């Protein structure tokens, strides 16, 4: 079900984990592809950069910022894009990234990613995850400016 490979290289120091790509992301062919998701705008704000538009620009931006990007879930049963409907979880092999990149810190894009990581992956990785507010449009409690402030922690 996970349509995307992890994005990382030998310089990736930060791993950002979501739960699972939304229907819109799958349709658009890359992580955080829903036009209302603020992930790419937030990341550009944190790094004071232009917002990447294409998949290749997004990958290059991640590489420049030493960020790895993936999801906690490899496959599951889900209704649409509703995280609350997630069942029958198969966890992604996060060790694949941790074994090939010098990841120093792991961050969760929202409570669901953190909860799933702690439930299914933490024991295997032995690594803590830091929860940050979800960039999903469903997280209306956070403005883009507030997201940028909270996510600035990823810069170290």
Protein backbone atom coordinates (compact mmCIF):
# COMPACT_ATOMS: atom_id res chain seq x y z
CA UNK A 1 0.00 0.00 0.00
CA UNK A 2 2.93 2.37 0.67
CA UNK A 3 3.47 3.81 -2.80
CA UNK A 4 6.61 5.80 -2.01
CA UNK A 5 10.14 4.76 -1.20
CA UNK A 6 11.90 6.59 1.63
CA UNK A 7 13.74 9.73 0.57
CA UNK A 8 17.21 9.98 2.10
CA UNK A 9 20.89 10.02 1.28
CA UNK A 10 24.20 9.50 3.09
CA UNK A 11 23.96 13.00 4.60
CA UNK A 12 20.46 12.70 6.07
CA UNK A 13 20.59 13.64 9.76
CA UNK A 14 16.87 14.13 10.43
CA UNK A 15 14.12 11.60 9.75
CA UNK A 16 10.57 12.91 9.47
CA UNK A 17 7.91 10.21 9.63
CA UNK A 18 4.28 10.57 8.68
CA UNK A 19 1.67 7.88 9.15
CA UNK A 20 0.72 6.96 5.55
CA UNK A 21 0.30 9.01 2.34
CA UNK A 22 -3.18 10.44 1.86
CA UNK A 23 -5.35 9.58 -1.14
CA UNK A 24 -4.38 12.96 -2.69
CA UNK A 25 -0.68 12.35 -2.10
CA UNK A 26 -0.97 8.97 -3.79
CA UNK A 27 -2.81 10.60 -6.72
CA UNK A 28 -0.14 13.31 -6.96
CA UNK A 29 2.72 10.82 -6.71
CA UNK A 30 4.67 12.12 -3.71
CA UNK A 31 4.61 12.81 0.00
CA UNK A 32 2.34 15.59 1.25
CA UNK A 33 0.76 16.03 -2.16
CA UNK A 34 -2.60 17.34 -0.96
CA UNK A 35 -2.70 21.01 -2.00
CA UNK A 36 -3.99 22.01 1.45
CA UNK A 37 -1.28 20.14 3.37
CA UNK A 38 1.19 22.71 4.70
CA UNK A 39 4.24 20.44 4.90
CA UNK A 40 6.20 21.96 1.99
CA UNK A 41 5.21 25.54 2.88
CA UNK A 42 6.16 24.92 6.51
CA UNK A 43 9.52 23.36 5.59
CA UNK A 44 10.31 26.25 3.23
CA UNK A 45 9.45 28.64 6.07
CA UNK A 46 11.70 26.83 8.54
CA UNK A 47 14.64 26.94 6.11
CA UNK A 48 13.79 30.38 4.67
CA UNK A 49 13.69 28.94 1.18
CA UNK A 50 11.40 28.93 -1.82
CA UNK A 51 8.60 26.37 -1.75
CA UNK A 52 9.58 23.40 -3.91
CA UNK A 53 6.96 22.56 -6.53
CA UNK A 54 7.98 19.44 -8.44
CA UNK A 55 8.89 16.03 -7.04
CA UNK A 56 12.51 16.50 -8.09
CA UNK A 57 12.63 19.95 -6.44
CA UNK A 58 11.14 18.50 -3.26
CA UNK A 59 13.70 15.68 -3.16
CA UNK A 60 16.57 18.09 -3.79
CA UNK A 61 15.27 20.38 -1.04
CA UNK A 62 15.19 17.47 1.42
CA UNK A 63 18.75 16.49 0.46
CA UNK A 64 19.98 20.08 0.89
CA UNK A 65 18.44 20.19 4.37
CA UNK A 66 19.80 16.73 5.33
CA UNK A 67 16.25 15.46 5.85
CA UNK A 68 15.01 11.93 5.28
CA UNK A 69 11.29 11.45 4.72
CA UNK A 70 9.16 8.34 5.07
CA UNK A 71 6.11 6.91 6.80
CA UNK A 72 5.67 4.59 9.75
CA UNK A 73 3.22 2.35 7.90
CA UNK A 74 4.16 0.04 5.05
CA UNK A 75 0.58 -1.17 4.57
CA UNK A 76 -2.74 -1.20 6.38
CA UNK A 77 -6.47 -1.11 5.97
CA UNK A 78 -7.72 2.47 5.82
CA UNK A 79 -10.90 4.25 4.76
CA UNK A 80 -9.92 7.11 2.45
CA UNK A 81 -7.30 9.16 4.28
CA UNK A 82 -8.77 8.85 7.78
CA UNK A 83 -6.00 8.07 10.27
CA UNK A 84 -8.63 7.03 12.81
CA UNK A 85 -9.71 4.17 10.51
CA UNK A 86 -6.22 2.59 10.28
CA UNK A 87 -6.30 -1.17 10.98
CA UNK A 88 -4.11 -4.22 10.26
CA UNK A 89 -0.85 -2.26 10.34
CA UNK A 90 2.35 -3.55 8.77
CA UNK A 91 5.17 -1.28 9.90
CA UNK A 92 7.77 0.05 7.46
CA UNK A 93 11.34 -1.20 7.87
CA UNK A 94 12.68 2.01 9.37
CA UNK A 95 15.99 0.25 10.00
CA UNK A 96 16.53 0.42 6.23
CA UNK A 97 17.03 4.18 6.57
CA UNK A 98 18.65 4.15 10.02
CA UNK A 99 21.23 1.65 8.79
CA UNK A 100 22.22 3.70 5.75
CA UNK A 101 22.03 7.31 6.92
CA UNK A 102 23.52 9.00 9.99
CA UNK A 103 20.10 9.91 11.44
CA UNK A 104 20.51 11.88 14.67
CA UNK A 105 16.86 12.68 15.44
CA UNK A 106 13.47 11.32 14.42
CA UNK A 107 10.38 13.52 14.24
CA UNK A 108 6.72 12.59 13.83
CA UNK A 109 4.46 14.70 11.65
CA UNK A 110 1.55 14.61 14.08
CA UNK A 111 0.18 12.54 16.93
CA UNK A 112 -0.87 9.58 14.77
CA UNK A 113 2.63 9.09 13.36
CA UNK A 114 4.07 9.31 16.87
CA UNK A 115 1.53 6.85 18.29
CA UNK A 116 2.08 4.36 15.46
CA UNK A 117 5.88 4.64 15.74
CA UNK A 118 5.79 4.11 19.50
CA UNK A 119 3.43 1.15 19.14
CA UNK A 120 5.04 -0.63 16.20
CA UNK A 121 8.60 0.61 15.60
CA UNK A 122 10.22 2.05 18.72
CA UNK A 123 11.10 -1.30 20.25
CA UNK A 124 12.78 -2.39 16.99
CA UNK A 125 14.71 0.84 16.46
CA UNK A 126 15.48 1.64 20.09
CA UNK A 127 15.12 5.30 19.16
CA UNK A 128 12.88 8.03 20.56
CA UNK A 129 10.63 10.09 18.32
CA UNK A 130 9.71 13.74 18.84
CA UNK A 131 6.13 14.64 17.98
CA UNK A 132 5.53 17.87 16.07
CA UNK A 133 2.15 19.30 15.10
CA UNK A 134 0.61 17.75 12.02
CA UNK A 135 0.83 19.77 8.82
CA UNK A 136 -2.47 18.26 7.69
CA UNK A 137 -5.29 20.66 6.77
CA UNK A 138 -7.34 18.83 9.44
CA UNK A 139 -5.07 20.41 12.09
CA UNK A 140 -6.82 23.78 12.02
CA UNK A 141 -5.53 24.69 15.49
CA UNK A 142 -2.15 25.57 13.95
CA UNK A 143 -1.63 28.41 11.51
CA UNK A 144 1.25 28.13 9.05
CA UNK A 145 3.23 30.63 11.16
CA UNK A 146 2.68 28.57 14.31
CA UNK A 147 3.71 25.39 12.48
CA UNK A 148 6.92 27.07 11.31
CA UNK A 149 7.68 28.13 14.90
CA UNK A 150 7.12 24.62 16.29
CA UNK A 151 8.94 22.84 13.45
CA UNK A 152 11.99 25.14 13.70
CA UNK A 153 13.37 22.62 16.22
CA UNK A 154 14.41 20.39 13.31
CA UNK A 155 17.14 22.88 12.40
CA UNK A 156 18.96 21.95 15.59
